[in-house]
Amino acid sequence: MSAGNSITVDVVSDVVCPWCFIGQKRLDRAIAAVGDVEVHVRWRPFQLDPTIPQAGMDRRQYMLGKFGSEERIRQIHARIEPLGDAEGIHFAFAAIKVAPNTLDAHRVIRWAGAASEDIQNRLVRRLFQLNFEEGVNLGDHSVLVEAAREAGMDASVVETLLPTDADVDAVRNEIATASRMGITGVPCFLLEGKYAVMGAQDADTLADAIRQVAQAKARGELETAG
């Protein structure tokens, strides 16, 4: 394919954001729908709540503190679950016992991106599954190491790096950059580093945006992305 028929989509997301999991599934469908465009996906970090302690928090207590009542939490889950079902996601909210701090997960996602685009995509998908469908604690280093292994990474390197401060500042700086760009919620899809599609838009909307940006790029109408 020509360069004009290829675009990059940076997905700013958090692995504990249910809308980001839905957005990932919809992006997959959008990419399948634009078969004439080569789409390269990169996952960028965002933390819904960076104040959660590194050890995590009891999720039920955390959700009660955030939303105020069991009934409100049930309403939120009831809204999300059928949308997940439509995308092949089986949300198991009751199985999630820990609200994790996701900084370490984002560090591993960053390392996966340095390995390859495919490995990063496999890792992000696995982390979404682990959290939302299996109720696994994404703050647990052993969980992250095993997910890295499953994605095709060198798990021994991940196991060695996780207890250190490697790339902590780099991930935090990326999150700060997203904030300076005005990104206050996720998912956010950045096409060619310039055009933002906010929220878990339906697959058709994402596909249309991808086509339009790819066509504009092919015509040489895009300014150089910063």
Protein backbone atom coordinates (compact mmCIF):
# COMPACT_ATOMS: atom_id res chain seq x y z
CA MET A 1 0.00 0.00 0.00
CA SER A 2 1.10 3.55 -0.56
CA ALA A 3 1.90 5.82 2.36
CA GLY A 4 -1.29 7.72 1.60
CA ASN A 5 -3.28 4.59 2.28
CA SER A 6 -1.81 4.16 5.73
CA ILE A 7 -2.55 6.07 8.90
CA THR A 8 -1.63 5.85 12.55
CA VAL A 9 -4.24 5.78 15.29
CA ASP A 10 -3.03 6.56 18.80
CA VAL A 11 -5.53 5.26 21.33
CA VAL A 12 -5.37 7.11 24.64
CA SER A 13 -6.93 4.74 27.15
CA ASP A 14 -6.84 3.09 30.55
CA VAL A 15 -7.08 -0.68 30.97
CA VAL A 16 -9.65 -0.32 33.78
CA CYS A 17 -11.97 1.80 31.63
CA PRO A 18 -14.91 -0.31 30.36
CA TRP A 19 -15.60 2.18 27.59
CA CYS A 20 -12.00 1.72 26.42
CA PHE A 21 -12.56 -2.05 26.13
CA ILE A 22 -15.70 -1.37 24.10
CA GLY A 23 -13.77 1.19 22.05
CA GLN A 24 -11.03 -1.36 21.33
CA LYS A 25 -13.59 -3.81 19.94
CA ARG A 26 -15.23 -1.11 17.84
CA LEU A 27 -11.87 0.04 16.49
CA ASP A 28 -11.15 -3.53 15.42
CA ARG A 29 -14.41 -3.60 13.48
CA ALA A 30 -13.71 -0.18 11.96
CA ILE A 31 -10.28 -1.31 10.78
CA ALA A 32 -11.80 -4.43 9.24
CA ALA A 33 -14.30 -2.21 7.41
CA VAL A 34 -11.60 -0.06 5.80
CA GLY A 35 -9.60 -2.85 4.24
CA ASP A 36 -8.00 -0.52 1.69
CA VAL A 37 -6.39 1.55 4.47
CA GLU A 38 -3.43 0.23 6.44
CA VAL A 39 -4.06 1.26 10.05
CA HIS A 40 -1.28 1.25 12.61
CA VAL A 41 -2.49 1.32 16.22
CA ARG A 42 -0.46 2.60 19.16
CA TRP A 43 -1.74 2.54 22.74
CA ARG A 44 -1.09 5.62 24.88
CA PRO A 45 -1.46 5.84 28.66
CA PHE A 46 -4.15 7.54 30.70
CA GLN A 47 -5.08 6.99 34.33
CA LEU A 48 -8.70 7.38 35.35
CA ASP A 49 -7.52 7.72 38.94
CA PRO A 50 -3.78 8.08 39.59
CA THR A 51 -4.48 8.59 43.33
CA ILE A 52 -5.23 4.91 43.91
CA PRO A 53 -2.40 3.44 46.04
CA GLN A 54 0.07 1.17 44.30
CA ALA A 55 -1.34 -1.79 46.23
CA GLY A 56 -4.82 -1.00 44.94
CA MET A 57 -8.10 -0.62 46.81
CA ASP A 58 -11.12 -2.75 47.55
CA ARG A 59 -13.18 -2.17 44.41
CA ARG A 60 -16.58 -2.21 46.12
CA GLN A 61 -15.51 0.42 48.63
CA TYR A 62 -13.82 2.42 45.89
CA MET A 63 -16.94 2.39 43.72
CA LEU A 64 -19.17 3.32 46.66
CA GLY A 65 -16.89 6.24 47.45
CA LYS A 66 -17.01 7.36 43.83
CA PHE A 67 -20.69 6.85 43.00
CA GLY A 68 -22.38 6.95 46.39
CA SER A 69 -24.67 3.92 46.40
CA GLU A 70 -25.00 0.29 45.34
CA GLU A 71 -28.03 1.25 43.24
CA ARG A 72 -26.05 3.82 41.28
CA ILE A 73 -23.29 1.29 40.65
CA ARG A 74 -25.87 -1.27 39.44
CA GLN A 75 -27.31 1.32 37.06
CA ILE A 76 -23.88 2.07 35.60
CA HIS A 77 -23.11 -1.62 35.11
CA ALA A 78 -26.54 -2.29 33.63
CA ARG A 79 -25.92 0.42 31.04
CA ILE A 80 -22.51 -0.95 30.03
CA GLU A 81 -23.17 -4.71 30.02
CA PRO A 82 -25.48 -4.91 26.96
CA LEU A 83 -23.09 -2.70 24.99
CA GLY A 84 -20.33 -5.12 25.90
CA ASP A 85 -22.48 -8.10 24.88
CA ALA A 86 -22.93 -6.53 21.44
CA GLU A 87 -19.14 -6.42 21.04
CA GLY A 88 -18.51 -9.92 22.36
CA ILE A 89 -17.41 -8.70 25.80
CA HIS A 90 -18.74 -10.53 28.85
CA PHE A 91 -18.29 -7.98 31.62
CA ALA A 92 -17.93 -9.69 35.00
CA PHE A 93 -18.01 -6.63 37.23
CA ALA A 94 -18.88 -8.66 40.34
CA ALA A 95 -15.67 -10.66 39.90
CA ILE A 96 -13.45 -7.57 40.10
CA LYS A 97 -12.29 -7.35 43.72
CA VAL A 98 -9.45 -4.83 43.41
CA ALA A 99 -9.39 -1.34 41.91
CA PRO A 100 -5.74 -1.23 40.82
CA ASN A 101 -3.37 1.61 40.17
CA THR A 102 -2.65 1.14 36.46
CA LEU A 103 0.73 2.88 36.21
CA ASP A 104 2.65 -0.40 36.10
CA ALA A 105 0.27 -1.83 33.49
CA HIS A 106 0.97 1.20 31.32
CA ARG A 107 4.70 0.71 31.73
CA VAL A 108 4.38 -2.85 30.40
CA ILE A 109 2.19 -1.61 27.53
CA ARG A 110 4.91 0.91 26.69
CA TRP A 111 7.57 -1.83 26.64
CA ALA A 112 5.30 -3.96 24.47
CA GLY A 113 5.08 -1.12 21.98
CA ALA A 114 8.86 -1.01 21.81
CA ALA A 115 8.80 -4.71 20.92
CA SER A 116 6.21 -4.48 18.14
CA GLU A 117 2.80 -3.13 17.25
CA ASP A 118 1.30 -6.63 17.23
CA ILE A 119 2.69 -7.50 20.65
CA GLN A 120 1.34 -4.27 22.12
CA ASN A 121 -2.10 -4.91 20.65
CA ARG A 122 -2.14 -8.47 22.00
CA LEU A 123 -1.08 -7.27 25.44
CA VAL A 124 -3.72 -4.54 25.67
CA ARG A 125 -6.45 -6.96 24.62
CA ARG A 126 -5.30 -9.48 27.22
CA LEU A 127 -5.23 -6.87 30.00
CA PHE A 128 -8.78 -5.79 29.17
CA GLN A 129 -9.90 -9.43 29.29
CA LEU A 130 -8.12 -10.12 32.55
CA ASN A 131 -9.65 -7.14 34.30
CA PHE A 132 -13.19 -7.13 32.96
CA GLU A 133 -13.93 -10.76 32.08
CA GLU A 134 -11.81 -12.60 34.65
CA GLY A 135 -11.69 -10.10 37.53
CA VAL A 136 -7.90 -10.33 37.82
CA ASN A 137 -5.90 -7.64 39.66
CA LEU A 138 -3.89 -5.70 37.07
CA GLY A 139 -1.77 -4.18 39.81
CA ASP A 140 -0.27 -7.59 40.58
CA HIS A 141 3.19 -7.85 39.02
CA SER A 142 2.88 -11.61 38.50
CA VAL A 143 -0.29 -10.99 36.48
CA LEU A 144 1.47 -8.40 34.33
CA VAL A 145 4.47 -10.66 33.77
CA GLU A 146 2.27 -13.56 32.67
CA ALA A 147 0.23 -11.29 30.38
CA ALA A 148 3.48 -10.05 28.85
CA ARG A 149 4.58 -13.63 28.26
CA GLU A 150 1.26 -14.49 26.61
CA ALA A 151 1.59 -11.45 24.34
CA GLY A 152 5.02 -12.58 23.14
CA MET A 153 7.28 -10.40 25.26
CA ASP A 154 10.43 -11.48 27.08
CA ALA A 155 8.78 -12.05 30.45
CA SER A 156 12.11 -12.22 32.30
CA VAL A 157 12.90 -8.64 31.24
CA VAL A 158 9.47 -7.44 32.36
CA GLU A 159 9.89 -9.27 35.66
CA THR A 160 13.23 -7.56 36.19
CA LEU A 161 12.06 -4.06 35.25
CA LEU A 162 8.71 -3.90 37.05
CA PRO A 163 10.11 -3.55 40.60
CA THR A 164 12.30 -0.65 39.42
CA ASP A 165 11.33 2.89 38.42
CA ALA A 166 12.06 2.20 34.74
CA ASP A 167 9.88 4.42 32.54
CA VAL A 168 7.70 5.63 35.42
CA ASP A 169 8.51 9.24 34.54
CA ALA A 170 8.08 8.59 30.81
CA VAL A 171 4.57 7.20 31.31
CA ARG A 172 3.61 10.02 33.65
CA ASN A 173 4.90 12.54 31.13
CA GLU A 174 2.78 10.97 28.39
CA ILE A 175 -0.28 11.17 30.62
CA ALA A 176 0.51 14.83 31.35
CA THR A 177 0.88 15.49 27.62
CA ALA A 178 -2.59 14.03 27.00
CA SER A 179 -3.97 16.32 29.68
CA ARG A 180 -2.31 19.36 28.09
CA MET A 181 -3.89 18.35 24.79
CA GLY A 182 -7.28 18.64 26.47
CA ILE A 183 -7.96 14.94 26.82
CA THR A 184 -10.00 14.58 30.00
CA GLY A 185 -11.80 11.32 29.22
CA VAL A 186 -11.07 8.10 27.40
CA PRO A 187 -10.99 6.44 25.01
CA CYS A 188 -9.66 9.10 22.67
CA PHE A 189 -8.59 8.12 19.17
CA LEU A 190 -5.96 10.41 17.65
CA LEU A 191 -5.70 9.99 13.88
CA GLU A 192 -2.33 10.95 12.40
CA GLY A 193 -1.63 12.81 15.64
CA LYS A 194 -4.03 15.58 14.65
CA TYR A 195 -7.67 14.57 14.50
CA ALA A 196 -9.36 13.37 17.68
CA VAL A 197 -12.40 11.12 17.94
CA MET A 198 -13.58 11.22 21.53
CA GLY A 199 -15.35 8.41 23.33
CA ALA A 200 -16.30 4.86 22.38
CA GLN A 201 -17.88 5.86 19.09
CA ASP A 202 -19.57 3.20 17.00
CA ALA A 203 -17.52 1.33 14.43
CA ASP A 204 -19.08 3.16 11.48
CA THR A 205 -18.11 6.54 12.90
CA LEU A 206 -14.54 5.39 13.47
CA ALA A 207 -14.35 3.85 10.00
CA ASP A 208 -15.59 7.08 8.41
CA ALA A 209 -13.00 9.11 10.31
CA ILE A 210 -10.23 6.72 9.26
CA ARG A 211 -11.29 6.91 5.60
CA GLN A 212 -11.52 10.70 5.61
CA VAL A 213 -8.11 11.18 7.21
CA ALA A 214 -6.52 8.58 4.93
CA GLN A 215 -8.00 10.28 1.86
CA ALA A 216 -6.82 13.70 3.04
CA LYS A 217 -3.37 12.27 3.67
CA ALA A 218 -3.30 10.70 0.20
CA ARG A 219 -4.15 14.11 -1.30
CA GLY A 220 -1.34 15.73 0.66
CA GLU A 221 -3.76 17.89 2.62
CA LEU A 222 -2.56 17.03 6.11
CA GLU A 223 -0.16 19.35 7.83
CA THR A 224 2.82 17.63 9.38
CA ALA A 225 1.77 16.25 12.72
CA GLY A 226 3.65 17.55 15.70
